[in-house]
Protein backbone atom coordinates (compact mmCIF):
# COMPACT_ATOMS: atom_id res chain seq x y z
CA MET A 1 101.38 135.84 58.13
CA SER A 2 105.17 134.94 58.42
CA ALA A 3 106.64 131.66 60.01
CA THR A 4 108.65 133.83 62.27
CA ALA A 5 105.77 135.24 63.68
CA VAL A 6 103.93 131.96 64.51
CA GLN A 7 104.66 131.07 68.18
CA GLU A 8 104.61 127.58 69.94
CA ALA A 9 101.50 126.88 71.39
CA PRO A 10 103.15 127.29 75.21
CA LYS A 11 103.97 123.47 77.05
CA LYS A 12 101.28 122.19 78.80
CA ALA A 13 102.07 121.67 82.33
CA VAL A 14 101.98 118.19 83.69
CA ALA A 15 102.47 116.80 87.33
CA SER A 16 106.03 114.96 87.49
CA ASN A 17 106.94 111.69 88.22
CA ALA A 18 107.79 112.30 91.92
CA ILE A 19 104.35 114.15 92.81
CA LYS A 20 102.74 110.92 90.89
CA PHE A 21 104.46 108.55 93.52
CA LEU A 22 103.98 110.99 96.40
CA PHE A 23 100.31 110.75 95.98
CA GLY A 24 99.94 107.04 95.62
CA GLY A 25 101.83 106.78 99.08
CA LEU A 26 100.00 109.51 100.93
CA SER A 27 96.38 108.27 99.47
CA GLY A 28 97.48 104.61 101.10
CA MET A 29 98.63 106.19 104.22
CA GLY A 30 95.52 108.03 104.73
CA ALA A 31 93.44 105.04 103.87
CA THR A 32 95.69 102.62 106.34
CA MET A 33 95.41 105.10 109.53
CA VAL A 34 91.27 104.13 108.70
CA VAL A 35 91.07 100.49 108.53
CA GLN A 36 94.03 99.18 110.36
CA PRO A 37 91.58 97.55 113.35
CA LEU A 38 89.79 95.42 110.06
CA ASP A 39 93.89 94.71 108.73
CA LEU A 40 94.52 93.59 111.94
CA VAL A 41 91.61 91.20 112.46
CA LYS A 42 92.12 89.69 108.68
CA THR A 43 95.38 88.65 109.63
CA ARG A 44 94.11 87.07 112.92
CA MET A 45 91.41 84.99 111.54
CA GLN A 46 93.99 84.07 109.11
CA ILE A 47 96.33 82.19 111.13
CA SER A 48 93.81 80.62 113.20
CA GLY A 49 93.71 77.52 112.87
CA ALA A 50 96.91 76.69 111.20
CA GLY A 51 98.59 73.51 111.89
CA SER A 52 95.79 71.89 114.07
CA GLY A 53 92.72 73.30 112.04
CA LYS A 54 91.30 74.36 115.14
CA LYS A 55 89.13 77.80 114.82
CA GLU A 56 90.05 80.53 117.39
CA TYR A 57 87.21 82.48 116.76
CA ARG A 58 83.50 82.28 115.65
CA SER A 59 83.17 85.41 113.46
CA SER A 60 84.85 88.78 112.93
CA LEU A 61 83.05 90.69 115.61
CA HIS A 62 84.18 87.55 118.36
CA CYS A 63 87.85 88.14 117.01
CA ILE A 64 87.30 92.07 117.73
CA GLN A 65 85.87 91.41 121.07
CA THR A 66 88.83 88.44 122.06
CA ILE A 67 91.42 91.21 121.08
CA VAL A 68 89.35 93.97 122.87
CA SER A 69 89.48 92.28 126.21
CA LYS A 70 92.58 90.28 126.01
CA GLU A 71 95.17 92.61 125.25
CA GLY A 72 92.97 96.34 125.32
CA PRO A 73 91.28 98.25 122.62
CA LEU A 74 94.85 99.60 121.64
CA ALA A 75 95.62 96.37 120.28
CA LEU A 76 93.70 96.82 117.44
CA TYR A 77 96.17 99.25 116.44
CA GLN A 78 99.31 97.00 116.65
CA GLY A 79 101.34 97.67 113.82
CA ILE A 80 100.68 100.61 112.66
CA GLY A 81 103.78 101.89 112.44
CA ALA A 82 104.52 98.64 109.99
CA ALA A 83 101.04 99.25 108.05
CA LEU A 84 102.33 103.16 107.44
CA LEU A 85 105.48 101.56 106.25
CA ARG A 86 104.16 99.01 104.12
CA GLN A 87 102.14 102.07 102.75
CA ALA A 88 104.79 104.33 101.69
CA THR A 89 107.11 101.23 100.26
CA TYR A 90 103.82 99.00 98.69
CA THR A 91 101.32 101.56 97.73
CA THR A 92 104.00 104.35 96.29
CA GLY A 93 105.96 102.01 94.10
CA ARG A 94 102.36 100.34 92.90
CA LEU A 95 99.77 103.63 92.27
CA GLY A 96 102.72 106.07 91.97
CA MET A 97 103.81 103.64 88.70
CA TYR A 98 100.05 102.83 87.76
CA THR A 99 99.36 106.24 87.24
CA TYR A 100 103.04 107.02 85.31
CA LEU A 101 101.75 104.19 83.16
CA ASN A 102 98.67 105.22 82.52
CA ASP A 103 99.34 108.73 81.89
CA LEU A 104 101.97 107.50 79.23
CA PHE A 105 99.82 105.33 77.62
CA ARG A 106 97.13 108.28 77.30
CA GLU A 107 100.18 110.28 75.91
CA LYS A 108 101.24 107.71 73.62
CA PHE A 109 98.00 106.66 71.79
CA GLU A 110 95.37 109.49 72.22
CA ARG A 111 92.60 107.13 74.00
CA SER A 112 91.88 105.77 77.22
CA PRO A 113 93.59 102.39 78.28
CA GLY A 114 91.06 99.25 77.77
CA ILE A 115 90.47 96.70 79.87
CA THR A 116 93.83 94.57 78.86
CA ASP A 117 95.85 97.49 78.81
CA SER A 118 94.52 98.45 82.52
CA MET A 119 95.33 94.92 83.44
CA ALA A 120 98.73 94.60 82.32
CA MET A 121 99.59 98.18 83.56
CA GLY A 122 98.12 96.89 86.98
CA THR A 123 99.91 93.44 87.10
CA ILE A 124 103.25 95.53 86.41
CA ALA A 125 102.52 98.16 89.14
CA GLY A 126 101.65 95.54 91.43
CA ALA A 127 104.76 93.16 91.08
CA CYS A 128 106.92 96.54 91.36
CA GLY A 129 105.45 97.89 94.71
CA ALA A 130 105.09 94.07 96.10
CA PHE A 131 108.67 93.82 95.62
CA ILE A 132 109.48 96.99 97.08
CA GLY A 133 107.17 96.86 100.36
CA THR A 134 107.94 92.75 101.18
CA PRO A 135 109.71 94.03 103.81
CA ALA A 136 107.21 96.16 105.31
CA GLU A 137 104.72 93.16 105.05
CA VAL A 138 106.50 91.35 106.65
CA ALA A 139 107.23 92.99 110.02
CA LEU A 140 103.51 94.16 109.49
CA VAL A 141 102.03 90.84 110.20
CA ARG A 142 104.51 89.23 112.41
CA MET A 143 103.24 91.83 114.38
CA THR A 144 99.88 92.01 114.46
CA SER A 145 100.07 88.28 114.71
CA ASP A 146 102.13 88.67 117.79
CA GLY A 147 99.45 89.57 120.71
CA ARG A 148 97.40 85.65 120.36
CA LEU A 149 100.39 83.80 121.00
CA PRO A 150 101.56 82.86 124.14
CA VAL A 151 103.79 85.00 126.18
CA ALA A 152 107.16 82.91 126.10
CA GLU A 153 106.49 82.37 122.17
CA ARG A 154 105.97 86.10 121.45
CA ARG A 155 108.45 87.96 119.49
CA ASN A 156 107.90 91.52 121.28
CA TYR A 157 108.97 93.86 118.84
CA THR A 158 108.71 96.94 119.98
CA ASN A 159 108.05 98.91 116.90
CA VAL A 160 108.84 98.36 112.78
CA ALA A 161 112.26 99.37 113.43
CA ASN A 162 112.90 97.13 115.88
CA ALA A 163 111.46 94.80 113.92
CA LEU A 164 113.38 94.65 110.60
CA ALA A 165 116.45 94.94 112.57
CA ARG A 166 115.98 92.00 114.38
CA ILE A 167 114.63 90.03 111.71
CA THR A 168 117.70 90.83 110.10
CA ARG A 169 120.04 90.04 112.51
CA GLU A 170 118.52 86.44 113.65
CA GLU A 171 117.13 84.89 110.70
CA GLY A 172 119.12 86.84 108.03
CA LEU A 173 118.63 89.93 105.61
CA THR A 174 117.05 87.38 102.87
CA ALA A 175 114.22 86.56 105.50
CA LEU A 176 112.97 90.15 104.90
CA TRP A 177 111.99 88.51 101.82
CA ARG A 178 110.40 86.11 103.12
CA GLY A 179 107.19 85.03 101.25
CA SER A 180 107.80 86.69 98.27
CA LEU A 181 106.44 84.79 95.39
CA PRO A 182 103.19 84.49 97.00
CA THR A 183 103.45 88.80 98.22
CA VAL A 184 104.19 89.61 94.55
CA GLY A 185 101.91 87.31 93.07
CA ARG A 186 98.88 88.42 95.13
CA ALA A 187 99.75 91.97 94.37
CA MET A 188 99.82 91.29 90.49
CA VAL A 189 96.17 89.81 90.69
CA VAL A 190 95.10 92.38 93.66
CA ASN A 191 96.67 95.20 91.25
CA MET A 192 95.48 93.78 88.07
CA THR A 193 92.00 93.10 89.20
CA GLN A 194 91.74 96.58 91.44
CA LEU A 195 93.13 99.40 89.05
CA ALA A 196 92.18 97.48 85.96
CA SER A 197 88.24 97.81 87.40
CA TYR A 198 88.30 100.88 89.01
CA SER A 199 89.45 102.50 85.66
CA GLN A 200 86.73 100.18 83.55
CA PHE A 201 84.14 100.85 86.41
CA LYS A 202 84.51 104.34 86.27
CA THR A 203 84.11 104.96 83.26
CA TYR A 204 81.27 103.11 82.38
CA PHE A 205 79.40 104.75 85.54
CA ARG A 206 80.87 108.39 83.36
CA ASN A 207 80.19 107.00 79.84
CA GLY A 208 77.42 104.58 80.44
CA PRO A 209 74.00 104.46 81.00
CA LEU A 210 74.22 106.60 84.56
CA GLN A 211 76.26 109.42 82.77
CA MET A 212 77.63 110.08 86.23
CA GLU A 213 79.84 113.12 86.63
CA GLU A 214 83.26 113.22 87.94
CA GLY A 215 83.78 113.19 91.67
CA ILE A 216 83.45 111.89 94.92
CA LYS A 217 79.85 109.68 94.33
CA LEU A 218 81.83 108.29 91.38
CA HIS A 219 84.83 107.41 92.80
CA PHE A 220 82.89 105.55 96.01
CA CYS A 221 80.66 103.45 92.81
CA ALA A 222 83.82 102.49 91.28
CA SER A 223 85.55 101.75 94.11
CA MET A 224 83.55 99.66 95.93
CA LEU A 225 83.31 97.17 93.31
CA SER A 226 86.46 97.17 92.59
CA GLY A 227 87.03 96.07 96.05
CA LEU A 228 84.50 93.30 95.98
CA LEU A 229 86.21 92.03 93.31
CA THR A 230 89.69 92.18 94.44
CA THR A 231 88.58 90.24 97.74
CA ILE A 232 87.17 87.33 95.92
CA THR A 233 90.19 86.36 93.67
CA SER A 234 93.14 87.63 96.03
CA MET A 235 92.22 85.77 99.19
CA PRO A 236 93.75 82.27 98.85
CA LEU A 237 96.98 84.36 97.42
CA ASP A 238 96.97 86.57 101.25
CA ILE A 239 96.14 83.66 103.29
CA ALA A 240 99.34 81.75 101.81
CA LYS A 241 101.46 84.95 101.99
CA THR A 242 100.23 85.59 105.68
CA ARG A 243 100.69 82.07 106.96
CA ILE A 244 104.14 81.77 105.29
CA GLN A 245 105.53 85.62 106.98
CA ASN A 246 103.96 84.39 109.96
CA MET A 247 105.80 80.76 110.07
CA LYS A 248 108.80 79.60 112.46
CA THR A 249 111.34 77.49 111.53
CA VAL A 250 112.13 74.30 114.15
CA ASP A 251 115.38 72.80 114.36
CA GLY A 252 116.41 74.28 110.89
CA LYS A 253 112.40 73.42 109.60
CA PRO A 254 110.22 75.88 107.66
CA GLU A 255 106.48 75.41 108.68
CA TYR A 256 105.28 75.20 105.12
CA ARG A 257 107.24 74.45 101.40
CA GLY A 258 105.61 77.03 100.01
CA THR A 259 102.71 78.93 98.53
CA ALA A 260 100.94 75.84 97.23
CA ASP A 261 101.92 73.25 100.36
CA VAL A 262 99.86 76.03 102.42
CA LEU A 263 97.06 75.94 99.55
CA LEU A 264 97.13 72.36 99.78
CA ARG A 265 97.11 71.79 104.04
CA VAL A 266 94.81 74.82 104.29
CA ALA A 267 92.16 73.28 102.17
CA ARG A 268 92.52 69.72 103.14
CA GLN A 269 93.11 70.07 106.94
CA GLU A 270 90.35 73.47 107.08
CA GLY A 271 88.26 73.35 104.22
CA VAL A 272 88.42 74.64 100.38
CA PHE A 273 86.36 77.69 102.06
CA ALA A 274 89.36 78.70 104.62
CA LEU A 275 90.87 79.90 101.58
CA TRP A 276 88.80 82.31 102.37
CA LYS A 277 88.29 82.36 106.03
CA GLY A 278 88.30 86.13 106.94
CA PHE A 279 86.40 87.34 104.02
CA THR A 280 84.30 90.03 105.67
CA PRO A 281 86.85 91.89 107.84
CA TYR A 282 89.10 91.32 104.62
CA TYR A 283 86.74 92.68 102.41
CA CYS A 284 85.47 95.47 104.95
CA ARG A 285 89.03 96.28 105.17
CA LEU A 286 89.91 96.29 101.31
CA GLY A 287 86.71 97.79 100.19
CA PRO A 288 86.84 101.19 102.31
CA HIS A 289 90.41 101.01 101.91
CA THR A 290 90.08 101.08 98.28
CA VAL A 291 87.16 103.82 98.63
CA LEU A 292 89.86 106.36 100.57
CA THR A 293 92.74 105.57 98.52
CA PHE A 294 91.33 106.59 95.14
CA ILE A 295 89.13 109.17 96.79
CA LEU A 296 92.44 110.69 97.94
CA LEU A 297 94.35 109.65 95.41
CA GLU A 298 91.90 111.63 93.08
CA GLN A 299 91.65 114.76 94.72
CA LEU A 300 94.95 115.16 95.44
CA ASN A 301 95.99 114.66 91.88
CA GLN A 302 92.90 117.50 91.43
CA GLY A 303 94.17 119.82 94.18
CA TYR A 304 98.11 119.61 92.62
CA ASN A 305 96.15 120.24 88.86
CA LYS A 306 94.35 123.01 89.90
CA TYR A 307 95.92 124.60 92.28
CA VAL A 308 99.63 123.95 91.15
CA LEU A 309 99.65 123.58 87.81
CA GLY A 310 96.74 125.57 86.65
CA SER A 311 94.50 123.60 84.94
CA ASP A 312 91.02 121.60 85.96
CA LYS A 313 91.40 119.14 83.80
CA SER A 314 91.30 115.52 85.49
CA THR A 315 94.28 113.46 85.02
CA GLY A 316 93.28 110.83 88.03
CA LEU A 317 92.75 107.13 87.06
């Protein structure tokens, strides 16, 4: 056959980078609509005892009962606007970046990423997403914790736009990135653990003794184990982030000097195990959120590949 008769193989259609980022944000926002009450409980429990060391809630259930009895059932969705904005920024950035790096790795090296590769990509993705999402995170922490304060001390933000505008006006633009260091640090730990372990658990369940087929069952099992590991490793930094973002400045003096100051004071005043205060709602929030996020992301990717690109091959995480 002559050279002129040889036709080049058609170039395989792939999802654009914009689609990868869009699907990352949509999957996170969908999961947040389900788990927002648990995120609120987690925040309230992490803030309780700040300064005095006195516990406000006996358990996660007591926290929920207190919120509902004092503020009404809709208070469990307080700050939902900020939570969705956080997912639209933070999760769009981290999952979009991770998916992009993951696909780039497979294309360049023609193999699945190893544990070290996945951890490195997760760390980069987490740092990028966290910096973009810090303003929404600050608004979320303040809005979800406002109801526990005495009426005279509440900030009373009407919505997330009002929160961001007032923080900028009353405290300066840089206040939107208050706590950015522990936020980025936490996100690097979370994503290094969550995204890397999810990829590795998924590979193990699919190729190991269980030989699980690609599908929701596989995604669920990998997500739940990933969420457990992520909860254990990230909680101390999450408490530091929450307290710094919620702190007030009195006479020009901030309540905490930084991440190390928060961790040391919590351990000294409330005990070392207080660094994992709110573990149950945190995992009950992070576990399902991880499951729902990854399942939605996988389904969106598979649907797009099948119905838009005309490919049955999965290109998920």
